[in-house]
Each structure stands twice: as C-alpha cells, then as structure tokens.
Amino acid sequence: MPPEMTHIWRWRKWLPARFGQPCRVITTGTLNSALVEFADGCRVVTSRYAVKKL
C-alpha cells in the first residue's frame, strides 16, 4: 500500500510536469526546506512553499 499523500505540488516553474500531483512531506529542515516524495518514489528537496496541504 502506498503512503498517504497529504500535499499537492503547486509550482509550475520548477518541475512543471509535477504540477497538481499529490505528494507527501517526509521531513522539514532549516531555511524553510522540505524533503518531498511523490507517489512514484521520486524525492525532491525544495521550499515548503512549493507544496500545499490537501
């Protein structure tokens, strides 16, 4: 069973193919950063502003 996706990717400028896709925030770090994982297993370190809670 895949992990529950709790956020939506909302930036079109970075990773435009991922716009609107569900994801989950694995952890948050300093300087407003977050490790985000998509349903296919791709992980990205990005700003917390790039994702929005469902």
Protein backbone atom coordinates (compact mmCIF):
# COMPACT_ATOMS: atom_id res chain seq x y z
CA MET A 1 0.00 0.00 0.00
CA PRO A 2 1.48 3.42 -0.96
CA PRO A 3 1.96 6.02 1.77
CA GLU A 4 -0.78 8.55 2.20
CA MET A 5 -0.27 11.66 0.13
CA THR A 6 -1.06 14.73 2.23
CA HIS A 7 0.11 17.62 0.00
CA ILE A 8 -0.13 18.91 -3.60
CA TRP A 9 2.80 20.20 -5.67
CA ARG A 10 1.90 23.76 -6.67
CA TRP A 11 4.88 25.30 -8.51
CA ARG A 12 4.83 25.27 -12.32
CA LYS A 13 8.19 26.99 -12.71
CA TRP A 14 10.10 24.12 -11.06
CA LEU A 15 9.05 20.60 -12.05
CA PRO A 16 6.18 21.73 -14.30
CA ALA A 17 5.29 18.11 -15.12
CA ARG A 18 4.55 17.55 -11.42
CA PHE A 19 2.10 20.47 -11.08
CA GLY A 20 -1.00 19.34 -9.21
CA GLN A 21 0.39 15.91 -8.33
CA PRO A 22 -0.11 14.54 -4.83
CA CYS A 23 2.96 14.17 -2.65
CA ARG A 24 3.95 13.88 0.99
CA VAL A 25 6.40 15.82 3.11
CA ILE A 26 8.84 13.38 4.70
CA THR A 27 10.72 15.89 6.82
CA THR A 28 11.39 19.60 7.12
CA GLY A 29 14.72 21.29 7.64
CA THR A 30 16.30 24.67 8.13
CA LEU A 31 15.79 27.66 5.86
CA ASN A 32 12.19 26.62 5.07
CA SER A 33 13.25 23.45 3.22
CA ALA A 34 11.36 20.18 2.96
CA LEU A 35 12.01 16.68 1.62
CA VAL A 36 9.04 15.78 -0.58
CA GLU A 37 8.21 12.35 -2.01
CA PHE A 38 5.84 11.70 -4.92
CA ALA A 39 3.76 8.56 -5.46
CA ASP A 40 6.30 7.10 -7.89
CA GLY A 41 9.09 7.34 -5.29
CA CYS A 42 10.83 10.44 -6.66
CA ARG A 43 12.21 12.60 -3.84
CA VAL A 44 12.96 16.33 -4.06
CA VAL A 45 14.39 18.83 -1.58
CA THR A 46 12.50 22.08 -2.06
CA SER A 47 10.95 25.06 -0.32
CA ARG A 48 7.90 24.44 1.84
CA TYR A 49 6.06 26.99 -0.31
CA ALA A 50 6.20 24.54 -3.22
CA VAL A 51 3.62 22.27 -1.58
CA LYS A 52 0.14 22.91 -0.26
CA LYS A 53 -1.80 20.80 2.24
CA LEU A 54 -4.84 18.98 0.89
